[in-house]
């Protein structure tokens, strides 16, 4: 269970259930005790009445005056019974009819409480006490049926259970609402993190509870640090690129103007200089790729693609290429702008180089981002281009006109966990490049 809300709700549910269960046991136990205490007090009152009704004749025979006896003790199996013991003599209430009660041993002092099953299987509570009347020892036991009280207690327990369950449900419902409101800042942060990942915002809102303020500040600090690091890295690599190109240019000019070297030596040196230039350029551009760290500005297909196409048209002023762009509605590409410009720039430049009259660009986004670039030129051998994707093929051995830009594009796509495939265009008959990049990067 990873949800904080579910953990809190489960913990609260268990706690409330335990509390209500303990409360139910305590209340039930206390109600039972209170009821028995009330019955015991009533039995004690009846015992005092019986003591008043007892008398002795001249021969010390025990007598009981019926006018002091409650009528309930005269009705058979009424649930109220007594037994008076005097030496070997026992006087039973008429309510016992032809049955009797087991009389427990009397206590040393006060009353002794006991329980047993009486007539008609009635559960009885019995109080027994020793008394002295007219200097004669008398033991009196009175029992009362607990069935009516037990039924009332059971009804109370059922009612209490229903009320407790209703209150428990209401408390849980209220707590769920409180938890949802309490965890709202976390949902807000999750939404802002998604926006931060996409480049829609540059930092998280600081309007959060105190418990989350430190986390938000650390995330904002980390985001700013990563942005500064990438910018600093790109600026440094740009400076390095310019610094390297100058001596390479000087070497190239020296090679072209040097008459001492043979043509074969010049070709070898020129090839190596060009190879160094391409390798250096590739490494520098590869290092500038932001990739799925996603800390820069996102690529806007509607704006940035138009700018990119204008730039490439300016690079090839002698070619009049008809460009057809097919874009799916509501496109939102979650890829770094610099990376996407580098990727599409290389592939579109190659398409422009080989196209005769037309290029088709198709962009579709569902579970994955699909970009297809087709041209009507003669193209290059697909198998040769695929070889460039395999590890171990050097740039100086790659296909002329495609290798360096294609290698850069391949590096960018791999960094985004995508794929790059080549084929023949069924529509235009030329070359077809298909890019697939997962929409949700893992």
Protein backbone atom coordinates (compact mmCIF):
# COMPACT_ATOMS: atom_id res chain seq x y z
CA UNK A 1 0.00 0.00 0.00
CA UNK A 2 1.85 3.10 -1.21
CA UNK A 3 -0.89 5.71 -0.87
CA UNK A 4 -0.49 7.97 2.17
CA UNK A 5 -4.22 8.62 2.17
CA UNK A 6 -4.99 4.89 2.23
CA UNK A 7 -2.47 4.32 5.02
CA UNK A 8 -3.91 7.09 7.15
CA UNK A 9 -7.49 6.00 6.45
CA UNK A 10 -6.66 2.37 7.28
CA UNK A 11 -4.89 3.36 10.49
CA UNK A 12 -7.80 5.56 11.49
CA UNK A 13 -10.32 2.81 10.71
CA UNK A 14 -8.43 0.27 12.82
CA UNK A 15 -8.04 2.77 15.68
CA UNK A 16 -11.71 3.74 15.66
CA UNK A 17 -12.87 0.13 15.46
CA UNK A 18 -10.68 -0.77 18.47
CA UNK A 19 -11.90 2.28 20.42
CA UNK A 20 -15.56 1.59 19.67
CA UNK A 21 -15.13 -2.11 20.46
CA UNK A 22 -13.57 -1.29 23.83
CA UNK A 23 -16.29 1.27 24.45
CA UNK A 24 -18.96 -1.30 23.59
CA UNK A 25 -17.43 -3.86 25.99
CA UNK A 26 -17.07 -1.32 28.79
CA UNK A 27 -20.62 0.01 28.39
CA UNK A 28 -22.08 -3.52 28.12
CA UNK A 29 -20.18 -4.67 31.21
CA UNK A 30 -21.19 -1.60 33.21
CA UNK A 31 -24.84 -1.86 32.14
CA UNK A 32 -24.85 -5.51 33.25
CA UNK A 33 -23.32 -4.59 36.61
CA UNK A 34 -25.64 -1.65 37.15
CA UNK A 35 -28.66 -3.79 36.37
CA UNK A 36 -27.55 -6.50 38.78
CA UNK A 37 -26.78 -3.92 41.45
CA UNK A 38 -30.27 -2.51 41.04
CA UNK A 39 -31.80 -6.00 41.34
CA UNK A 40 -29.60 -6.74 44.35
CA UNK A 41 -30.77 -3.58 46.11
CA UNK A 42 -34.38 -4.54 45.45
CA UNK A 43 -33.74 -8.09 46.76
CA UNK A 44 -32.18 -6.63 49.91
CA UNK A 45 -35.31 -4.58 50.43
CA UNK A 46 -37.44 -7.74 50.08
CA UNK A 47 -35.17 -9.56 52.56
CA UNK A 48 -35.73 -6.80 55.09
CA UNK A 49 -39.48 -7.18 54.52
CA UNK A 50 -39.23 -10.94 55.10
CA UNK A 51 -37.34 -10.37 58.34
CA UNK A 52 -40.17 -8.14 59.46
CA UNK A 53 -42.70 -10.88 58.56
CA UNK A 54 -40.85 -13.56 60.58
CA UNK A 55 -41.86 -14.32 64.15
CA UNK A 56 -41.62 -17.24 66.65
CA UNK A 57 -44.20 -18.85 68.92
CA UNK A 58 -43.70 -20.02 72.51
CA UNK A 59 -42.14 -23.24 71.29
CA UNK A 60 -39.68 -21.32 69.04
CA UNK A 61 -41.44 -22.49 65.90
CA UNK A 62 -40.93 -20.07 63.02
CA UNK A 63 -43.94 -18.19 61.62
CA UNK A 64 -44.27 -16.01 58.49
CA UNK A 65 -46.97 -13.35 58.29
CA UNK A 66 -48.36 -13.41 54.71
CA UNK A 67 -49.63 -9.85 54.89
CA UNK A 68 -46.04 -8.60 54.68
CA UNK A 69 -45.24 -10.80 51.65
CA UNK A 70 -45.50 -9.27 48.19
CA UNK A 71 -48.04 -11.02 46.00
CA UNK A 72 -45.40 -11.68 43.35
CA UNK A 73 -43.91 -14.33 45.67
CA UNK A 74 -47.29 -16.08 45.73
CA UNK A 75 -47.73 -16.47 41.96
CA UNK A 76 -46.23 -19.74 40.62
CA UNK A 77 -43.00 -19.33 38.63
CA UNK A 78 -43.27 -15.56 38.81
CA UNK A 79 -39.49 -15.23 38.69
CA UNK A 80 -39.30 -14.07 42.34
CA UNK A 81 -38.53 -16.75 44.94
CA UNK A 82 -37.39 -17.04 48.55
CA UNK A 83 -36.36 -19.74 50.99
CA UNK A 84 -36.15 -19.22 54.77
CA UNK A 85 -34.04 -21.68 56.72
CA UNK A 86 -34.35 -22.06 60.44
CA UNK A 87 -32.41 -24.98 61.87
CA UNK A 88 -33.86 -27.97 60.01
CA UNK A 89 -36.93 -26.08 58.85
CA UNK A 90 -37.23 -24.56 55.36
CA UNK A 91 -40.02 -22.24 54.29
CA UNK A 92 -40.32 -21.72 50.52
CA UNK A 93 -42.25 -19.07 48.66
CA UNK A 94 -45.42 -20.28 46.95
CA UNK A 95 -43.96 -19.08 43.62
CA UNK A 96 -41.54 -22.02 43.72
CA UNK A 97 -44.55 -24.35 43.60
CA UNK A 98 -43.16 -27.88 43.76
CA UNK A 99 -39.55 -26.90 42.98
CA UNK A 100 -36.76 -25.52 45.07
CA UNK A 101 -33.50 -23.55 44.88
CA UNK A 102 -30.02 -24.59 45.81
CA UNK A 103 -29.07 -22.55 48.80
CA UNK A 104 -25.39 -21.63 48.87
CA UNK A 105 -23.41 -21.54 52.05
CA UNK A 106 -24.16 -18.30 53.89
CA UNK A 107 -21.41 -15.67 54.08
CA UNK A 108 -19.60 -14.73 57.24
CA UNK A 109 -20.90 -11.20 57.01
CA UNK A 110 -23.29 -9.34 54.76
CA UNK A 111 -24.76 -10.92 51.64
CA UNK A 112 -23.47 -13.55 49.25
CA UNK A 113 -24.36 -13.30 45.57
CA UNK A 114 -24.71 -16.40 43.40
CA UNK A 115 -26.21 -17.48 40.10
CA UNK A 116 -28.13 -20.61 39.14
CA UNK A 117 -30.89 -21.92 36.90
CA UNK A 118 -34.24 -21.89 38.64
CA UNK A 119 -37.76 -23.09 37.84
CA UNK A 120 -38.72 -23.13 34.17
CA UNK A 121 -34.95 -22.82 33.39
CA UNK A 122 -34.97 -19.21 34.49
CA UNK A 123 -31.53 -17.64 35.08
CA UNK A 124 -31.58 -16.49 38.70
CA UNK A 125 -29.49 -14.08 40.70
CA UNK A 126 -29.62 -15.05 44.41
CA UNK A 127 -28.69 -13.11 47.53
CA UNK A 128 -28.15 -15.08 50.74
CA UNK A 129 -27.67 -13.68 54.24
CA UNK A 130 -27.62 -14.77 57.90
CA UNK A 131 -29.79 -12.85 60.35
CA UNK A 132 -30.90 -13.01 63.98
CA UNK A 133 -34.56 -12.47 64.80
CA UNK A 134 -35.70 -12.60 68.40
CA UNK A 135 -32.33 -14.17 69.25
CA UNK A 136 -32.95 -16.96 66.72
CA UNK A 137 -30.56 -17.55 63.72
CA UNK A 138 -32.30 -17.34 60.34
CA UNK A 139 -30.89 -17.75 56.80
CA UNK A 140 -32.82 -16.03 54.02
CA UNK A 141 -32.19 -16.52 50.26
CA UNK A 142 -34.11 -14.60 47.62
CA UNK A 143 -33.74 -15.23 43.90
CA UNK A 144 -34.95 -13.16 40.94
CA UNK A 145 -35.25 -14.03 37.27
CA UNK A 146 -32.72 -12.13 35.12
CA UNK A 147 -34.56 -12.80 31.82
CA UNK A 148 -36.36 -9.40 31.57
CA UNK A 149 -33.18 -7.53 32.44
CA UNK A 150 -31.14 -9.63 30.01
CA UNK A 151 -33.60 -8.87 27.21
CA UNK A 152 -33.44 -5.16 27.98
CA UNK A 153 -29.64 -5.28 28.03
CA UNK A 154 -29.58 -7.12 24.68
CA UNK A 155 -31.91 -4.51 23.19
CA UNK A 156 -29.65 -1.78 24.53
CA UNK A 157 -26.56 -3.51 23.09
CA UNK A 158 -28.22 -3.79 19.68
CA UNK A 159 -29.29 -0.16 19.76
CA UNK A 160 -25.86 0.93 20.96
CA UNK A 161 -24.17 -1.12 18.22
CA UNK A 162 -26.29 0.53 15.52
CA UNK A 163 -25.62 4.01 16.91
CA UNK A 164 -21.90 3.27 17.30
CA UNK A 165 -21.65 1.90 13.74
CA UNK A 166 -23.44 5.01 12.41
CA UNK A 167 -21.12 7.31 14.33
CA UNK A 168 -18.10 5.30 13.17
CA UNK A 169 -19.19 5.60 9.54
CA UNK A 170 -19.78 9.35 9.90
CA UNK A 171 -16.37 9.82 11.53
CA UNK A 172 -14.66 7.90 8.75
CA UNK A 173 -16.49 9.91 6.10
CA UNK A 174 -15.52 13.17 7.80
CA UNK A 175 -11.95 11.96 8.17
CA UNK A 176 -11.73 11.00 4.49
CA UNK A 177 -12.85 14.52 3.56
CA UNK A 178 -10.32 16.01 5.99
CA UNK A 179 -7.56 13.77 4.58
CA UNK A 180 -8.37 14.76 1.01
CA UNK A 181 -8.24 18.42 1.91
CA UNK A 182 -5.13 17.90 4.00
CA UNK A 183 -3.34 16.08 1.16
CA UNK A 184 -4.40 18.62 -1.45
CA UNK A 185 -1.00 20.37 -1.27
CA UNK A 186 0.67 17.06 -2.22
CA UNK A 187 -1.59 16.75 -5.28
CA UNK A 188 -0.75 20.34 -6.15
CA UNK A 189 2.97 19.59 -5.88
CA UNK A 190 2.53 16.47 -8.04
CA UNK A 191 0.80 18.56 -10.71
CA UNK A 192 3.50 21.23 -10.54
CA UNK A 193 6.22 18.57 -10.76
CA UNK A 194 4.63 17.34 -13.98
CA UNK A 195 4.55 20.92 -15.28
CA UNK A 196 8.15 21.41 -14.18
CA UNK A 197 9.16 18.24 -16.02
CA UNK A 198 7.46 19.49 -19.18
CA UNK A 199 9.08 22.91 -18.89
CA UNK A 200 5.79 24.77 -18.42
CA UNK A 201 7.08 26.26 -15.16
CA UNK A 202 10.57 26.90 -13.81
CA UNK A 203 9.97 26.25 -10.10
CA UNK A 204 7.37 24.91 -7.66
CA UNK A 205 5.04 27.22 -5.76
CA UNK A 206 6.27 28.06 -2.26
CA UNK A 207 2.70 28.43 -0.97
CA UNK A 208 2.71 25.06 0.83
CA UNK A 209 2.33 23.83 4.43
CA UNK A 210 5.37 24.10 6.70
CA UNK A 211 5.95 20.33 6.56
CA UNK A 212 6.44 20.48 2.77
CA UNK A 213 8.28 23.79 2.55
CA UNK A 214 11.73 22.23 2.95
CA UNK A 215 11.06 19.62 0.22
CA UNK A 216 9.73 22.25 -2.20
CA UNK A 217 12.72 24.53 -1.55
CA UNK A 218 15.15 21.64 -2.15
CA UNK A 219 13.40 20.68 -5.42
CA UNK A 220 13.46 24.29 -6.61
CA UNK A 221 17.12 24.57 -5.66
CA UNK A 222 17.93 21.33 -7.51
CA UNK A 223 15.96 22.43 -10.58
CA UNK A 224 17.74 25.78 -10.73
CA UNK A 225 21.10 24.08 -10.22
CA UNK A 226 20.44 21.61 -13.06
CA UNK A 227 19.31 24.40 -15.40
CA UNK A 228 22.40 26.43 -14.60
CA UNK A 229 24.63 23.37 -15.04
CA UNK A 230 23.16 22.51 -18.45
CA UNK A 231 23.38 26.12 -19.59
CA UNK A 232 26.93 26.41 -18.31
CA UNK A 233 27.83 23.12 -20.00
CA UNK A 234 26.31 24.16 -23.31
CA UNK A 235 28.02 27.55 -23.19
CA UNK A 236 31.37 25.91 -22.40
CA UNK A 237 30.93 23.36 -25.16
CA UNK A 238 30.00 26.10 -27.60
CA UNK A 239 33.17 27.99 -26.68
CA UNK A 240 35.20 24.80 -27.02
CA UNK A 241 33.65 24.10 -30.41
CA UNK A 242 34.65 27.52 -31.70
CA UNK A 243 38.12 27.18 -30.20
CA UNK A 244 38.71 23.81 -31.90
CA UNK A 245 37.32 24.85 -35.27
CA UNK A 246 39.84 27.66 -35.65
CA UNK A 247 43.03 25.52 -35.51
CA UNK A 248 41.33 22.86 -37.66
CA UNK A 249 40.58 25.54 -40.25
CA UNK A 250 44.20 26.70 -40.13
CA UNK A 251 45.39 23.12 -40.64
CA UNK A 252 42.98 22.68 -43.55
CA UNK A 253 44.24 25.88 -45.20
CA UNK A 254 47.83 24.87 -44.59
CA UNK A 255 47.14 21.51 -46.19
CA UNK A 256 45.52 23.09 -49.23
CA UNK A 257 48.25 25.68 -49.74
CA UNK A 258 51.26 23.50 -48.97
CA UNK A 259 52.98 22.56 -52.27
CA UNK A 260 55.63 20.41 -50.61
CA UNK A 261 53.22 17.62 -49.75
CA UNK A 262 52.19 15.16 -52.41
CA UNK A 263 48.55 14.86 -53.46
CA UNK A 264 48.28 11.55 -51.64
CA UNK A 265 49.62 13.10 -48.43
CA UNK A 266 47.28 16.05 -48.82
CA UNK A 267 44.30 13.74 -49.27
CA UNK A 268 45.30 11.68 -46.23
CA UNK A 269 45.85 14.77 -44.08
CA UNK A 270 42.61 16.35 -45.33
CA UNK A 271 40.68 13.20 -44.55
CA UNK A 272 42.06 13.05 -41.04
CA UNK A 273 41.36 16.74 -40.42
CA UNK A 274 37.77 16.28 -41.61
CA UNK A 275 37.45 13.16 -39.45
CA UNK A 276 38.70 15.06 -36.39
CA UNK A 277 36.29 17.86 -37.19
CA UNK A 278 33.32 15.50 -37.46
CA UNK A 279 34.21 13.45 -34.39
CA UNK A 280 34.73 16.58 -32.31
CA UNK A 281 31.50 18.11 -33.56
CA UNK A 282 29.58 14.92 -32.82
CA UNK A 283 30.96 14.59 -29.27
CA UNK A 284 30.25 18.25 -28.54
CA UNK A 285 26.70 18.04 -29.87
CA UNK A 286 26.11 14.74 -28.07
CA UNK A 287 27.26 16.32 -24.81
CA UNK A 288 24.83 19.21 -25.35
CA UNK A 289 21.82 16.87 -25.47
CA UNK A 290 19.59 17.46 -22.43
CA UNK A 291 17.76 14.17 -22.96
CA UNK A 292 15.17 12.94 -20.51
CA UNK A 293 16.52 15.08 -17.68
CA UNK A 294 13.95 17.54 -19.08
CA UNK A 295 15.07 20.77 -17.46
CA UNK A 296 14.97 23.11 -20.47
CA UNK A 297 12.28 24.66 -22.62
CA UNK A 298 9.96 22.24 -24.43
CA UNK A 299 9.76 21.99 -28.22
CA UNK A 300 6.73 23.81 -29.64
CA UNK A 301 5.88 22.01 -32.89
CA UNK A 302 3.72 24.82 -34.28
CA UNK A 303 6.31 27.55 -33.77
CA UNK A 304 9.70 25.86 -33.83
CA UNK A 305 9.06 23.65 -36.88
CA UNK A 306 8.20 26.68 -39.02
CA UNK A 307 11.39 28.44 -37.92
CA UNK A 308 13.43 25.31 -38.65
CA UNK A 309 11.97 24.95 -42.17
CA UNK A 310 12.72 28.62 -42.96
CA UNK A 311 16.30 28.14 -41.82
CA UNK A 312 16.80 25.07 -44.03
CA UNK A 313 15.26 26.87 -47.05
CA UNK A 314 17.84 29.62 -46.56
CA UNK A 315 20.58 26.96 -46.58
CA UNK A 316 19.38 25.69 -49.99
CA UNK A 317 18.24 28.79 -51.89
CA UNK A 318 18.64 27.06 -55.26
CA UNK A 319 16.10 24.31 -54.44
CA UNK A 320 12.36 24.93 -54.63
CA UNK A 321 10.96 22.20 -52.37
CA UNK A 322 7.22 21.85 -51.69
CA UNK A 323 6.86 20.98 -47.99
CA UNK A 324 3.65 19.34 -46.79
CA UNK A 325 3.26 19.26 -43.00
CA UNK A 326 0.62 16.99 -41.41
CA UNK A 327 0.19 17.69 -37.71
CA UNK A 328 -2.19 15.99 -35.32
CA UNK A 329 -4.40 18.33 -33.26
CA UNK A 330 -3.42 19.24 -29.68
CA UNK A 331 0.19 18.15 -30.00
CA UNK A 332 2.25 18.66 -26.87
CA UNK A 333 5.76 17.29 -27.33
CA UNK A 334 7.56 16.77 -24.03
CA UNK A 335 11.10 16.96 -25.45
CA UNK A 336 13.84 19.51 -24.92
CA UNK A 337 13.71 22.23 -27.60
CA UNK A 338 17.44 22.16 -28.34
CA UNK A 339 17.43 18.37 -28.70
CA UNK A 340 14.43 18.39 -31.03
CA UNK A 341 15.86 21.15 -33.20
CA UNK A 342 19.11 19.20 -33.53
CA UNK A 343 17.25 15.96 -34.32
CA UNK A 344 14.82 17.35 -36.91
CA UNK A 345 17.42 19.76 -38.28
CA UNK A 346 19.78 16.93 -39.25
CA UNK A 347 17.04 14.74 -40.77
CA UNK A 348 15.30 17.57 -42.64
CA UNK A 349 18.61 18.85 -43.97
CA UNK A 350 19.39 15.41 -45.38
CA UNK A 351 15.88 15.15 -46.83
CA UNK A 352 16.31 18.59 -48.47
CA UNK A 353 19.66 17.55 -49.88
CA UNK A 354 18.21 14.55 -51.71
CA UNK A 355 14.66 15.69 -52.47
CA UNK A 356 13.70 16.73 -55.98
CA UNK A 357 10.44 18.59 -55.51
CA UNK A 358 8.54 17.49 -52.38
CA UNK A 359 8.92 16.55 -48.72
CA UNK A 360 6.13 15.30 -46.44
CA UNK A 361 6.38 15.67 -42.66
CA UNK A 362 3.84 13.76 -40.57
CA UNK A 363 3.56 14.04 -36.77
CA UNK A 364 1.17 11.85 -34.74
CA UNK A 365 0.99 11.51 -30.95
CA UNK A 366 -0.86 8.85 -28.95
CA UNK A 367 0.92 6.47 -26.61
CA UNK A 368 4.07 7.36 -28.54
CA UNK A 369 5.30 10.27 -30.61
CA UNK A 370 5.60 9.33 -34.31
CA UNK A 371 7.46 11.59 -36.76
CA UNK A 372 7.78 10.55 -40.40
CA UNK A 373 9.88 12.45 -42.97
CA UNK A 374 9.54 11.41 -46.66
CA UNK A 375 11.13 12.82 -49.81
CA UNK A 376 10.85 12.14 -53.53
CA UNK A 377 14.59 11.93 -54.23
CA UNK A 378 16.70 8.98 -55.23
CA UNK A 379 17.72 8.54 -51.58
CA UNK A 380 20.48 6.31 -50.33
CA UNK A 381 20.80 2.61 -49.77
CA UNK A 382 18.71 1.72 -46.70
CA UNK A 383 20.97 -1.18 -45.72
CA UNK A 384 24.04 1.09 -45.74
CA UNK A 385 22.27 3.64 -43.54
CA UNK A 386 21.18 0.93 -41.11
CA UNK A 387 24.80 -0.12 -40.72
CA UNK A 388 25.53 3.27 -39.19
CA UNK A 389 23.23 2.39 -36.30
CA UNK A 390 25.39 -0.60 -35.37
CA UNK A 391 28.16 -0.13 -32.85
CA UNK A 392 31.64 -0.03 -34.37
CA UNK A 393 30.94 1.86 -37.63
CA UNK A 394 33.18 4.93 -37.76
CA UNK A 395 31.98 8.28 -39.04
CA UNK A 396 34.58 8.34 -41.76
CA UNK A 397 33.14 5.06 -43.04
CA UNK A 398 29.52 6.25 -42.98
CA UNK A 399 27.40 6.96 -46.03
CA UNK A 400 28.32 10.17 -47.77
CA UNK A 401 25.89 13.01 -47.10
CA UNK A 402 24.09 11.24 -44.30
CA UNK A 403 26.46 9.72 -41.78
CA UNK A 404 27.40 12.54 -39.40
CA UNK A 405 23.95 14.14 -39.03
CA UNK A 406 22.34 10.71 -38.81
CA UNK A 407 24.71 9.63 -36.06
CA UNK A 408 23.85 12.72 -34.01
CA UNK A 409 20.13 12.04 -34.53
CA UNK A 410 20.62 8.41 -33.50
CA UNK A 411 22.32 9.47 -30.26
CA UNK A 412 19.48 11.86 -29.39
CA UNK A 413 16.76 9.27 -30.06
CA UNK A 414 18.54 6.61 -27.98
CA UNK A 415 18.76 9.05 -25.10
CA UNK A 416 14.97 9.41 -25.25
CA UNK A 417 14.51 5.61 -25.43
CA UNK A 418 13.10 5.86 -28.94
CA UNK A 419 13.82 4.22 -32.27
CA UNK A 420 14.86 5.32 -35.75
CA UNK A 421 14.01 3.29 -38.86
CA UNK A 422 14.65 3.75 -42.59
CA UNK A 423 12.65 2.59 -45.58
CA UNK A 424 11.37 3.58 -49.02
CA UNK A 425 8.47 6.01 -49.18
CA UNK A 426 5.40 4.40 -50.71
CA UNK A 427 3.89 7.83 -51.28
CA UNK A 428 6.80 9.72 -52.88
CA UNK A 429 9.10 6.87 -53.85
CA UNK A 430 12.13 8.37 -52.17
CA UNK A 431 13.64 7.95 -48.76
CA UNK A 432 11.56 7.62 -45.56
CA UNK A 433 12.75 8.21 -42.00
CA UNK A 434 10.47 7.22 -39.11
CA UNK A 435 11.05 8.36 -35.52
CA UNK A 436 9.26 6.80 -32.55
CA UNK A 437 9.67 8.22 -29.03
CA UNK A 438 7.65 7.08 -25.97
CA UNK A 439 5.28 9.74 -24.71
CA UNK A 440 5.90 8.75 -21.07
CA UNK A 441 9.59 8.25 -20.42
CA UNK A 442 10.62 5.70 -17.78
